[in-house]
Amino acid sequence: MHIYLNLFTNLEKYYPVAKKGPQNLSLKTSSTVAHLIKMLGMPDEPKLLTMVNGQPSDISTVLTDNDEVYFFYQLMLYARN
C-alpha cells in the first residue's frame, strides 16, 4: 500500500528520504498512524497532530492505499492584553 506523507515545521527531519517536501511511502496493509509514527522514529506526544485525507485522526486510525497523511505540531497562541 502507498501513502502520501507530509511533515511540517521541525518534523521534516523525519522524512525517510533525505529531501524535503511531500513523499510517497510504502507501508504494509492495515498499518495505523501509530505504526507510521514508529517507522519514522517520530516522538508520539500529545502536541503531535495528525490528519488523514483532511480529517483529524488519532494513532489508532487504519491507513488505506493512497491516503494523504499530515503531521504537524499544535501551535499555542497566546493573546496579550
Protein backbone atom coordinates (compact mmCIF):
# COMPACT_ATOMS: atom_id res chain seq x y z
CA MET A 1 0.00 0.00 0.00
CA HIS A 2 1.19 3.56 -0.68
CA ILE A 3 0.51 6.77 1.19
CA TYR A 4 1.38 10.41 0.55
CA LEU A 5 3.31 11.78 3.56
CA ASN A 6 3.52 15.46 4.57
CA LEU A 7 5.60 16.63 7.53
CA PHE A 8 5.54 20.25 8.64
CA THR A 9 7.89 22.58 10.54
CA ASN A 10 10.58 20.84 12.57
CA LEU A 11 9.10 17.40 11.79
CA GLU A 12 10.68 17.47 8.29
CA LYS A 13 13.79 15.81 9.74
CA TYR A 14 11.78 12.57 9.99
CA TYR A 15 11.25 12.14 6.23
CA PRO A 16 12.65 8.72 5.28
CA VAL A 17 14.41 10.12 2.21
CA ALA A 18 16.84 12.99 2.64
CA LYS A 19 14.76 15.52 0.73
CA LYS A 20 12.23 17.97 1.94
CA GLY A 21 8.67 18.05 0.78
CA PRO A 22 5.83 15.56 0.45
CA GLN A 23 6.84 11.97 -0.25
CA ASN A 24 5.22 8.76 -1.39
CA LEU A 25 5.77 5.95 1.07
CA SER A 26 5.10 2.20 1.02
CA LEU A 27 3.51 0.60 4.08
CA LYS A 28 2.16 -2.81 5.00
CA THR A 29 -1.59 -3.23 4.53
CA SER A 30 -3.57 -2.41 7.71
CA SER A 31 -0.83 -0.11 9.07
CA THR A 32 -2.04 2.50 11.53
CA VAL A 33 -0.90 6.04 12.23
CA ALA A 34 0.91 4.60 15.28
CA HIS A 35 2.88 2.21 13.02
CA LEU A 36 3.84 5.10 10.76
CA ILE A 37 4.99 7.24 13.71
CA LYS A 38 7.16 4.37 14.96
CA MET A 39 8.55 3.62 11.50
CA LEU A 40 9.58 7.25 11.02
CA GLY A 41 11.13 7.42 14.51
CA MET A 42 8.93 10.36 15.44
CA PRO A 43 8.03 11.14 19.05
CA ASP A 44 4.46 10.21 19.96
CA GLU A 45 3.48 13.22 22.02
CA PRO A 46 0.19 14.95 22.81
CA LYS A 47 1.10 18.04 20.81
CA LEU A 48 1.66 15.97 17.63
CA LEU A 49 -1.40 16.44 15.42
CA THR A 50 -2.35 14.09 12.60
CA MET A 51 -4.71 14.47 9.68
CA VAL A 52 -5.61 11.74 7.21
CA ASN A 53 -7.27 12.88 4.00
CA GLY A 54 -8.00 16.27 5.54
CA GLN A 55 -9.71 14.87 8.64
CA PRO A 56 -8.30 14.92 12.19
CA SER A 57 -7.22 11.43 13.22
CA ASP A 58 -5.55 9.65 16.10
CA ILE A 59 -2.87 6.99 16.33
CA SER A 60 -5.38 4.12 16.01
CA THR A 61 -6.53 5.25 12.54
CA VAL A 62 -6.00 2.46 9.99
CA LEU A 63 -4.40 3.77 6.81
CA THR A 64 -5.53 2.70 3.35
CA ASP A 65 -3.98 2.89 -0.09
CA ASN A 66 -3.44 6.44 -1.40
CA ASP A 67 -4.20 8.15 1.91
CA GLU A 68 -2.74 11.61 2.43
CA VAL A 69 -1.17 11.81 5.90
CA TYR A 70 -0.15 15.09 7.53
CA PHE A 71 1.83 15.53 10.75
CA PHE A 72 2.40 18.85 12.48
CA TYR A 73 2.81 20.25 15.96
CA GLN A 74 -0.07 22.03 17.67
CA LEU A 75 0.63 25.73 17.89
CA MET A 76 -0.26 27.54 21.06
CA LEU A 77 -1.15 31.17 20.57
CA TYR A 78 -1.42 33.50 23.50
CA ALA A 79 -3.13 36.85 23.32
CA ARG A 80 -1.65 39.76 25.18
CA ASN A 81 -3.94 42.20 26.90
